Amino acid sequence: MTSVVAVLDIGMAKPQIIAGDASFGFLTNRFGFNLSGTAGQTIIVEGSSDLVNWTPLCTNTVGGGPCYFCDPACTNFGRRFYRARLP
């Protein structure tokens, strides 16, 4: 009797911040960008000023295309980093 290890790939892509389109950057005093992922996938956008401590800013569910995130509080920080992750 033998056993086989199986890997199940459910096709869920890691969320991505899209930096190469017109939505990336400052628009009307807010920094924003589009996010891509698998339809139905929940994405958490987090912000940090030091790359050590991260604060959840928004939770989005991906629809049929990219979803947009903007940070109206970005001007309250000298610098701010963003990341997108799965819950």
PDB file of N, CA and C in Angstrom:
ATOM      1  N   MET A   1       0.843  -1.156   0.000  1.00  0.00           N
ATOM      2  CA  MET A   1       0.000   0.000   0.000  1.00  0.00           C
ATOM      3  C   MET A   1       0.900   1.233   0.000  1.00  0.00           C
ATOM      4  N   THR A   2       0.584   2.165  -0.842  1.00  0.00           N
ATOM      5  CA  THR A   2       1.356   3.405  -0.894  1.00  0.00           C
ATOM      6  C   THR A   2       0.430   4.584  -0.661  1.00  0.00           C
ATOM      7  N   SER A   3       1.042   5.679  -0.290  1.00  0.00           N
ATOM      8  CA  SER A   3       0.250   6.906  -0.149  1.00  0.00           C
ATOM      9  C   SER A   3       0.888   7.988  -1.012  1.00  0.00           C
ATOM     10  N   VAL A   4       0.069   8.892  -1.456  1.00  0.00           N
ATOM     11  CA  VAL A   4       0.510   9.966  -2.323  1.00  0.00           C
ATOM     12  C   VAL A   4       0.096  11.289  -1.701  1.00  0.00           C
ATOM     13  N   VAL A   5       1.005  12.228  -1.707  1.00  0.00           N
ATOM     14  CA  VAL A   5       0.675  13.566  -1.229  1.00  0.00           C
ATOM     15  C   VAL A   5       0.074  14.336  -2.391  1.00  0.00           C
ATOM     16  N   ALA A   6      -1.082  14.913  -2.168  1.00  0.00           N
ATOM     17  CA  ALA A   6      -1.762  15.674  -3.216  1.00  0.00           C
ATOM     18  C   ALA A   6      -1.761  17.151  -2.849  1.00  0.00           C
ATOM     19  N   VAL A   7      -1.577  17.981  -3.845  1.00  0.00           N
ATOM     20  CA  VAL A   7      -1.639  19.422  -3.647  1.00  0.00           C
ATOM     21  C   VAL A   7      -2.837  19.936  -4.417  1.00  0.00           C
ATOM     22  N   LEU A   8      -3.673  20.676  -3.739  1.00  0.00           N
ATOM     23  CA  LEU A   8      -4.869  21.226  -4.364  1.00  0.00           C
ATOM     24  C   LEU A   8      -4.641  22.706  -4.614  1.00  0.00           C
ATOM     25  N   ASP A   9      -4.648  23.092  -5.858  1.00  0.00           N
ATOM     26  CA  ASP A   9      -4.521  24.490  -6.246  1.00  0.00           C
ATOM     27  C   ASP A   9      -5.905  25.003  -6.575  1.00  0.00           C
ATOM     28  N   ILE A  10      -6.417  25.904  -5.744  1.00  0.00           N
ATOM     29  CA  ILE A  10      -7.776  26.397  -5.968  1.00  0.00           C
ATOM     30  C   ILE A  10      -7.792  27.663  -6.821  1.00  0.00           C
ATOM     31  N   GLY A  11      -6.654  28.040  -7.353  1.00  0.00           N
ATOM     32  CA  GLY A  11      -6.604  29.135  -8.305  1.00  0.00           C
ATOM     33  C   GLY A  11      -6.762  30.515  -7.709  1.00  0.00           C
ATOM     34  N   MET A  12      -6.489  30.683  -6.429  1.00  0.00           N
ATOM     35  CA  MET A  12      -6.599  31.990  -5.798  1.00  0.00           C
ATOM     36  C   MET A  12      -5.280  32.730  -5.955  1.00  0.00           C
ATOM     37  N   ALA A  13      -5.298  33.798  -6.688  1.00  0.00           N
ATOM     38  CA  ALA A  13      -4.094  34.598  -6.894  1.00  0.00           C
ATOM     39  C   ALA A  13      -3.835  35.463  -5.669  1.00  0.00           C
ATOM     40  N   LYS A  14      -2.567  35.714  -5.401  1.00  0.00           N
ATOM     41  CA  LYS A  14      -2.224  36.649  -4.340  1.00  0.00           C
ATOM     42  C   LYS A  14      -2.700  38.028  -4.764  1.00  0.00           C
ATOM     43  N   PRO A  15      -3.205  38.830  -3.816  1.00  0.00           N
ATOM     44  CA  PRO A  15      -3.626  40.174  -4.195  1.00  0.00           C
ATOM     45  C   PRO A  15      -2.423  41.006  -4.623  1.00  0.00           C
ATOM     46  N   GLN A  16      -2.652  41.882  -5.578  1.00  0.00           N
ATOM     47  CA  GLN A  16      -1.583  42.724  -6.113  1.00  0.00           C
ATOM     48  C   GLN A  16      -2.031  44.177  -6.134  1.00  0.00           C
ATOM     49  N   ILE A  17      -1.118  45.074  -5.776  1.00  0.00           N
ATOM     50  CA  ILE A  17      -1.341  46.500  -5.976  1.00  0.00           C
ATOM     51  C   ILE A  17      -0.893  46.808  -7.400  1.00  0.00           C
ATOM     52  N   ILE A  18      -1.766  47.395  -8.185  1.00  0.00           N
ATOM     53  CA  ILE A  18      -1.450  47.705  -9.581  1.00  0.00           C
ATOM     54  C   ILE A  18      -0.813  49.091  -9.624  1.00  0.00           C
ATOM     55  N   ALA A  19       0.481  49.125  -9.895  1.00  0.00           N
ATOM     56  CA  ALA A  19       1.216  50.396  -9.878  1.00  0.00           C
ATOM     57  C   ALA A  19       1.363  51.004 -11.262  1.00  0.00           C
ATOM     58  N   GLY A  20       0.965  50.301 -12.299  1.00  0.00           N
ATOM     59  CA  GLY A  20       1.214  50.774 -13.654  1.00  0.00           C
ATOM     60  C   GLY A  20       0.015  51.348 -14.377  1.00  0.00           C
ATOM     61  N   ASP A  21      -1.011  51.778 -13.657  1.00  0.00           N
ATOM     62  CA  ASP A  21      -2.154  52.365 -14.361  1.00  0.00           C
ATOM     63  C   ASP A  21      -2.403  53.796 -13.874  1.00  0.00           C
ATOM     64  N   ALA A  22      -3.358  54.460 -14.477  1.00  0.00           N
ATOM     65  CA  ALA A  22      -3.616  55.873 -14.186  1.00  0.00           C
ATOM     66  C   ALA A  22      -4.222  56.104 -12.802  1.00  0.00           C
ATOM     67  N   SER A  23      -4.694  55.057 -12.126  1.00  0.00           N
ATOM     68  CA  SER A  23      -5.293  55.214 -10.807  1.00  0.00           C
ATOM     69  C   SER A  23      -4.262  55.240  -9.685  1.00  0.00           C
ATOM     70  N   PHE A  24      -3.010  54.932 -10.003  1.00  0.00           N
ATOM     71  CA  PHE A  24      -1.965  54.883  -8.981  1.00  0.00           C
ATOM     72  C   PHE A  24      -1.426  56.285  -8.720  1.00  0.00           C
ATOM     73  N   GLY A  25      -1.477  56.700  -7.455  1.00  0.00           N
ATOM     74  CA  GLY A  25      -0.893  57.985  -7.089  1.00  0.00           C
ATOM     75  C   GLY A  25      -1.898  58.922  -6.450  1.00  0.00           C
ATOM     76  N   PHE A  26      -1.529  60.201  -6.378  1.00  0.00           N
ATOM     77  CA  PHE A  26      -2.366  61.210  -5.745  1.00  0.00           C
ATOM     78  C   PHE A  26      -3.407  61.755  -6.716  1.00  0.00           C
ATOM     79  N   LEU A  27      -4.645  61.730  -6.273  1.00  0.00           N
ATOM     80  CA  LEU A  27      -5.760  62.339  -6.982  1.00  0.00           C
ATOM     81  C   LEU A  27      -6.578  63.085  -5.938  1.00  0.00           C
ATOM     82  N   THR A  28      -6.796  64.356  -6.121  1.00  0.00           N
ATOM     83  CA  THR A  28      -7.547  65.198  -5.185  1.00  0.00           C
ATOM     84  C   THR A  28      -7.156  64.969  -3.722  1.00  0.00           C
ATOM     85  N   ASN A  29      -5.872  65.107  -3.436  1.00  0.00           N
ATOM     86  CA  ASN A  29      -5.309  65.020  -2.083  1.00  0.00           C
ATOM     87  C   ASN A  29      -5.484  63.659  -1.411  1.00  0.00           C
ATOM     88  N   ARG A  30      -5.652  62.640  -2.196  1.00  0.00           N
ATOM     89  CA  ARG A  30      -5.746  61.277  -1.663  1.00  0.00           C
ATOM     90  C   ARG A  30      -4.835  60.385  -2.481  1.00  0.00           C
ATOM     91  N   PHE A  31      -4.146  59.497  -1.798  1.00  0.00           N
ATOM     92  CA  PHE A  31      -3.326  58.522  -2.502  1.00  0.00           C
ATOM     93  C   PHE A  31      -4.157  57.276  -2.702  1.00  0.00           C
ATOM     94  N   GLY A  32      -4.124  56.708  -3.898  1.00  0.00           N
ATOM     95  CA  GLY A  32      -4.927  55.530  -4.166  1.00  0.00           C
ATOM     96  C   GLY A  32      -4.327  54.651  -5.243  1.00  0.00           C
ATOM     97  N   PHE A  33      -4.914  53.482  -5.373  1.00  0.00           N
ATOM     98  CA  PHE A  33      -4.461  52.511  -6.367  1.00  0.00           C
ATOM     99  C   PHE A  33      -5.511  51.443  -6.545  1.00  0.00           C
ATOM    100  N   ASN A  34      -5.416  50.732  -7.657  1.00  0.00           N
ATOM    101  CA  ASN A  34      -6.264  49.572  -7.920  1.00  0.00           C
ATOM    102  C   ASN A  34      -5.615  48.324  -7.361  1.00  0.00           C
ATOM    103  N   LEU A  35      -6.450  47.381  -7.000  1.00  0.00           N
ATOM    104  CA  LEU A  35      -6.022  46.068  -6.502  1.00  0.00           C
ATOM    105  C   LEU A  35      -6.565  44.998  -7.426  1.00  0.00           C
ATOM    106  N   SER A  36      -5.764  43.979  -7.656  1.00  0.00           N
ATOM    107  CA  SER A  36      -6.250  42.842  -8.438  1.00  0.00           C
ATOM    108  C   SER A  36      -6.195  41.588  -7.584  1.00  0.00           C
ATOM    109  N   GLY A  37      -7.057  40.679  -7.902  1.00  0.00           N
ATOM    110  CA  GLY A  37      -7.122  39.395  -7.216  1.00  0.00           C
ATOM    111  C   GLY A  37      -8.149  38.534  -7.912  1.00  0.00           C
ATOM    112  N   THR A  38      -8.473  37.428  -7.311  1.00  0.00           N
ATOM    113  CA  THR A  38      -9.468  36.503  -7.844  1.00  0.00           C
ATOM    114  C   THR A  38     -10.863  36.985  -7.454  1.00  0.00           C
ATOM    115  N   ALA A  39     -11.812  36.934  -8.386  1.00  0.00           N
ATOM    116  CA  ALA A  39     -13.186  37.358  -8.103  1.00  0.00           C
ATOM    117  C   ALA A  39     -13.717  36.642  -6.864  1.00  0.00           C
ATOM    118  N   GLY A  40     -14.320  37.418  -5.972  1.00  0.00           N
ATOM    119  CA  GLY A  40     -14.857  36.881  -4.725  1.00  0.00           C
ATOM    120  C   GLY A  40     -13.860  36.863  -3.581  1.00  0.00           C
ATOM    121  N   GLN A  41     -12.605  37.121  -3.890  1.00  0.00           N
ATOM    122  CA  GLN A  41     -11.540  37.097  -2.885  1.00  0.00           C
ATOM    123  C   GLN A  41     -11.617  38.359  -2.016  1.00  0.00           C
ATOM    124  N   THR A  42     -11.396  38.200  -0.716  1.00  0.00           N
ATOM    125  CA  THR A  42     -11.345  39.326   0.203  1.00  0.00           C
ATOM    126  C   THR A  42      -9.900  39.760   0.363  1.00  0.00           C
ATOM    127  N   ILE A  43      -9.668  41.068   0.235  1.00  0.00           N
ATOM    128  CA  ILE A  43      -8.327  41.639   0.346  1.00  0.00           C
ATOM    129  C   ILE A  43      -8.323  42.686   1.450  1.00  0.00           C
ATOM    130  N   ILE A  44      -7.335  42.626   2.305  1.00  0.00           N
ATOM    131  CA  ILE A  44      -7.144  43.630   3.347  1.00  0.00           C
ATOM    132  C   ILE A  44      -5.990  44.531   2.933  1.00  0.00           C
ATOM    133  N   VAL A  45      -6.232  45.844   2.923  1.00  0.00           N
ATOM    134  CA  VAL A  45      -5.177  46.815   2.650  1.00  0.00           C
ATOM    135  C   VAL A  45      -4.718  47.356   3.998  1.00  0.00           C
ATOM    136  N   GLU A  46      -3.408  47.313   4.219  1.00  0.00           N
ATOM    137  CA  GLU A  46      -2.832  47.801   5.462  1.00  0.00           C
ATOM    138  C   GLU A  46      -1.850  48.929   5.163  1.00  0.00           C
ATOM    139  N   GLY A  47      -1.679  49.823   6.140  1.00  0.00           N
ATOM    140  CA  GLY A  47      -0.741  50.925   6.008  1.00  0.00           C
ATOM    141  C   GLY A  47       0.239  50.929   7.164  1.00  0.00           C
ATOM    142  N   SER A  48       1.428  51.465   6.908  1.00  0.00           N
ATOM    143  CA  SER A  48       2.472  51.542   7.919  1.00  0.00           C
ATOM    144  C   SER A  48       3.349  52.762   7.641  1.00  0.00           C
ATOM    145  N   SER A  49       3.877  53.353   8.698  1.00  0.00           N
ATOM    146  CA  SER A  49       4.836  54.442   8.523  1.00  0.00           C
ATOM    147  C   SER A  49       6.257  53.977   8.779  1.00  0.00           C
ATOM    148  N   ASP A  50       6.411  52.722   9.245  1.00  0.00           N
ATOM    149  CA  ASP A  50       7.757  52.224   9.583  1.00  0.00           C
ATOM    150  C   ASP A  50       8.059  50.808   9.078  1.00  0.00           C
ATOM    151  N   LEU A  51       7.158  50.205   8.335  1.00  0.00           N
ATOM    152  CA  LEU A  51       7.285  48.835   7.814  1.00  0.00           C
ATOM    153  C   LEU A  51       7.357  47.758   8.894  1.00  0.00           C
ATOM    154  N   VAL A  52       7.100  48.149  10.152  1.00  0.00           N
ATOM    155  CA  VAL A  52       7.080  47.185  11.259  1.00  0.00           C
ATOM    156  C   VAL A  52       5.663  47.027  11.790  1.00  0.00           C
ATOM    157  N   ASN A  53       5.023  48.136  12.086  1.00  0.00           N
ATOM    158  CA  ASN A  53       3.671  48.142  12.626  1.00  0.00           C
ATOM    159  C   ASN A  53       2.680  48.453  11.501  1.00  0.00           C
ATOM    160  N   TRP A  54       1.751  47.530  11.280  1.00  0.00           N
ATOM    161  CA  TRP A  54       0.781  47.658  10.190  1.00  0.00           C
ATOM    162  C   TRP A  54      -0.618  47.830  10.755  1.00  0.00           C
ATOM    163  N   THR A  55      -1.401  48.717  10.147  1.00  0.00           N
ATOM    164  CA  THR A  55      -2.769  48.991  10.566  1.00  0.00           C
ATOM    165  C   THR A  55      -3.714  48.667   9.412  1.00  0.00           C
ATOM    166  N   PRO A  56      -4.758  47.879   9.661  1.00  0.00           N
ATOM    167  CA  PRO A  56      -5.739  47.629   8.601  1.00  0.00           C
ATOM    168  C   PRO A  56      -6.461  48.926   8.244  1.00  0.00           C
ATOM    169  N   LEU A  57      -6.537  49.234   6.963  1.00  0.00           N
ATOM    170  CA  LEU A  57      -7.191  50.452   6.496  1.00  0.00           C
ATOM    171  C   LEU A  57      -8.514  50.175   5.813  1.00  0.00           C
ATOM    172  N   CYS A  58      -8.618  49.008   5.189  1.00  0.00           N
ATOM    173  CA  CYS A  58      -9.798  48.725   4.378  1.00  0.00           C
ATOM    174  C   CYS A  58      -9.853  47.235   4.071  1.00  0.00           C
ATOM    175  N   THR A  59     -11.050  46.716   3.942  1.00  0.00           N
ATOM    176  CA  THR A  59     -11.260  45.342   3.479  1.00  0.00           C
ATOM    177  C   THR A  59     -12.163  45.408   2.261  1.00  0.00           C
ATOM    178  N   ASN A  60     -11.707  44.850   1.159  1.00  0.00           N
ATOM    179  CA  ASN A  60     -12.450  44.860  -0.104  1.00  0.00           C
ATOM    180  C   ASN A  60     -12.675  43.441  -0.594  1.00  0.00           C
ATOM    181  N   THR A  61     -13.770  43.250  -1.302  1.00  0.00           N
ATOM    182  CA  THR A  61     -14.012  41.992  -2.000  1.00  0.00           C
ATOM    183  C   THR A  61     -13.876  42.263  -3.486  1.00  0.00           C
ATOM    184  N   VAL A  62     -13.043  41.475  -4.143  1.00  0.00           N
ATOM    185  CA  VAL A  62     -12.785  41.652  -5.567  1.00  0.00           C
ATOM    186  C   VAL A  62     -14.012  41.216  -6.351  1.00  0.00           C
ATOM    187  N   GLY A  63     -14.412  42.057  -7.295  1.00  0.00           N
ATOM    188  CA  GLY A  63     -15.529  41.726  -8.181  1.00  0.00           C
ATOM    189  C   GLY A  63     -14.995  41.183  -9.487  1.00  0.00           C
ATOM    190  N   GLY A  64     -15.564  41.632 -10.569  1.00  0.00           N
ATOM    191  CA  GLY A  64     -15.156  41.172 -11.892  1.00  0.00           C
ATOM    192  C   GLY A  64     -13.894  41.820 -12.421  1.00  0.00           C
ATOM    193  N   GLY A  65     -13.449  42.891 -11.797  1.00  0.00           N
ATOM    194  CA  GLY A  65     -12.247  43.589 -12.239  1.00  0.00           C
ATOM    195  C   GLY A  65     -11.511  44.136 -11.041  1.00  0.00           C
ATOM    196  N   PRO A  66     -10.550  45.012 -11.273  1.00  0.00           N
ATOM    197  CA  PRO A  66      -9.801  45.583 -10.155  1.00  0.00           C
ATOM    198  C   PRO A  66     -10.713  46.382  -9.228  1.00  0.00           C
ATOM    199  N   CYS A  67     -10.362  46.437  -7.951  1.00  0.00           N
ATOM    200  CA  CYS A  67     -11.088  47.289  -7.010  1.00  0.00           C
ATOM    201  C   CYS A  67     -10.167  48.430  -6.585  1.00  0.00           C
ATOM    202  N   TYR A  68     -10.747  49.594  -6.356  1.00  0.00           N
ATOM    203  CA  TYR A  68      -9.983  50.799  -6.066  1.00  0.00           C
ATOM    204  C   TYR A  68      -9.912  51.053  -4.568  1.00  0.00           C
ATOM    205  N   PHE A  69      -8.738  51.454  -4.101  1.00  0.00           N
ATOM    206  CA  PHE A  69      -8.523  51.859  -2.709  1.00  0.00           C
ATOM    207  C   PHE A  69      -7.957  53.269  -2.709  1.00  0.00           C
ATOM    208  N   CYS A  70      -8.451  54.129  -1.809  1.00  0.00           N
ATOM    209  CA  CYS A  70      -7.823  55.433  -1.621  1.00  0.00           C
ATOM    210  C   CYS A  70      -7.726  55.711  -0.125  1.00  0.00           C
ATOM    211  N   ASP A  71      -6.688  56.446   0.241  1.00  0.00           N
ATOM    212  CA  ASP A  71      -6.391  56.747   1.644  1.00  0.00           C
ATOM    213  C   ASP A  71      -6.537  58.242   1.870  1.00  0.00           C
ATOM    214  N   PRO A  72      -7.686  58.700   2.385  1.00  0.00           N
ATOM    215  CA  PRO A  72      -7.874  60.128   2.612  1.00  0.00           C
ATOM    216  C   PRO A  72      -6.999  60.669   3.741  1.00  0.00           C
ATOM    217  N   ALA A  73      -6.447  59.791   4.579  1.00  0.00           N
ATOM    218  CA  ALA A  73      -5.608  60.216   5.705  1.00  0.00           C
ATOM    219  C   ALA A  73      -4.121  60.221   5.367  1.00  0.00           C
ATOM    220  N   CYS A  74      -3.760  59.951   4.125  1.00  0.00           N
ATOM    221  CA  CYS A  74      -2.346  59.829   3.768  1.00  0.00           C
ATOM    222  C   CYS A  74      -1.549  61.097   4.037  1.00  0.00           C
ATOM    223  N   THR A  75      -2.179  62.264   3.959  1.00  0.00           N
ATOM    224  CA  THR A  75      -1.465  63.521   4.175  1.00  0.00           C
ATOM    225  C   THR A  75      -1.140  63.760   5.649  1.00  0.00           C
ATOM    226  N   ASN A  76      -1.658  62.922   6.542  1.00  0.00           N
ATOM    227  CA  ASN A  76      -1.353  63.030   7.971  1.00  0.00           C
ATOM    228  C   ASN A  76      -0.015  62.391   8.334  1.00  0.00           C
ATOM    229  N   PHE A  77       0.658  61.798   7.368  1.00  0.00           N
ATOM    230  CA  PHE A  77       1.903  61.065   7.609  1.00  0.00           C
ATOM    231  C   PHE A  77       3.011  61.620   6.717  1.00  0.00           C
ATOM    232  N   GLY A  78       4.229  61.656   7.267  1.00  0.00           N
ATOM    233  CA  GLY A  78       5.373  62.066   6.467  1.00  0.00           C
ATOM    234  C   GLY A  78       5.667  61.073   5.352  1.00  0.00           C
ATOM    235  N   ARG A  79       5.418  59.806   5.629  1.00  0.00           N
ATOM    236  CA  ARG A  79       5.537  58.739   4.636  1.00  0.00           C
ATOM    237  C   ARG A  79       4.590  57.622   5.049  1.00  0.00           C
ATOM    238  N   ARG A  80       4.143  56.877   4.070  1.00  0.00           N
ATOM    239  CA  ARG A  80       3.219  55.774   4.357  1.00  0.00           C
ATOM    240  C   ARG A  80       3.438  54.683   3.333  1.00  0.00           C
ATOM    241  N   PHE A  81       3.491  53.458   3.835  1.00  0.00           N
ATOM    242  CA  PHE A  81       3.662  52.279   3.000  1.00  0.00           C
ATOM    243  C   PHE A  81       2.358  51.505   3.009  1.00  0.00           C
ATOM    244  N   TYR A  82       2.106  50.766   1.936  1.00  0.00           N
ATOM    245  CA  TYR A  82       0.875  49.991   1.817  1.00  0.00           C
ATOM    246  C   TYR A  82       1.202  48.560   1.415  1.00  0.00           C
ATOM    247  N   ARG A  83       0.357  47.658   1.869  1.00  0.00           N
ATOM    248  CA  ARG A  83       0.432  46.280   1.414  1.00  0.00           C
ATOM    249  C   ARG A  83      -0.978  45.724   1.320  1.00  0.00           C
ATOM    250  N   ALA A  84      -1.142  44.741   0.460  1.00  0.00           N
ATOM    251  CA  ALA A  84      -2.412  44.050   0.294  1.00  0.00           C
ATOM    252  C   ALA A  84      -2.189  42.603   0.685  1.00  0.00           C
ATOM    253  N   ARG A  85      -3.097  42.061   1.503  1.00  0.00           N
ATOM    254  CA  ARG A  85      -2.942  40.676   1.942  1.00  0.00           C
ATOM    255  C   ARG A  85      -4.294  39.989   2.046  1.00  0.00           C
ATOM    256  N   LEU A  86      -4.239  38.683   2.111  1.00  0.00           N
ATOM    257  CA  LEU A  86      -5.439  37.883   2.335  1.00  0.00           C
ATOM    258  C   LEU A  86      -5.684  37.789   3.836  1.00  0.00           C
ATOM    259  N   PRO A  87      -6.940  37.639   4.229  1.00  0.00           N
ATOM    260  CA  PRO A  87      -7.245  37.506   5.679  1.00  0.00           C
ATOM    261  C   PRO A  87      -6.708  36.215   6.260  1.00  0.00           C
TER     262      PRO A  87
END
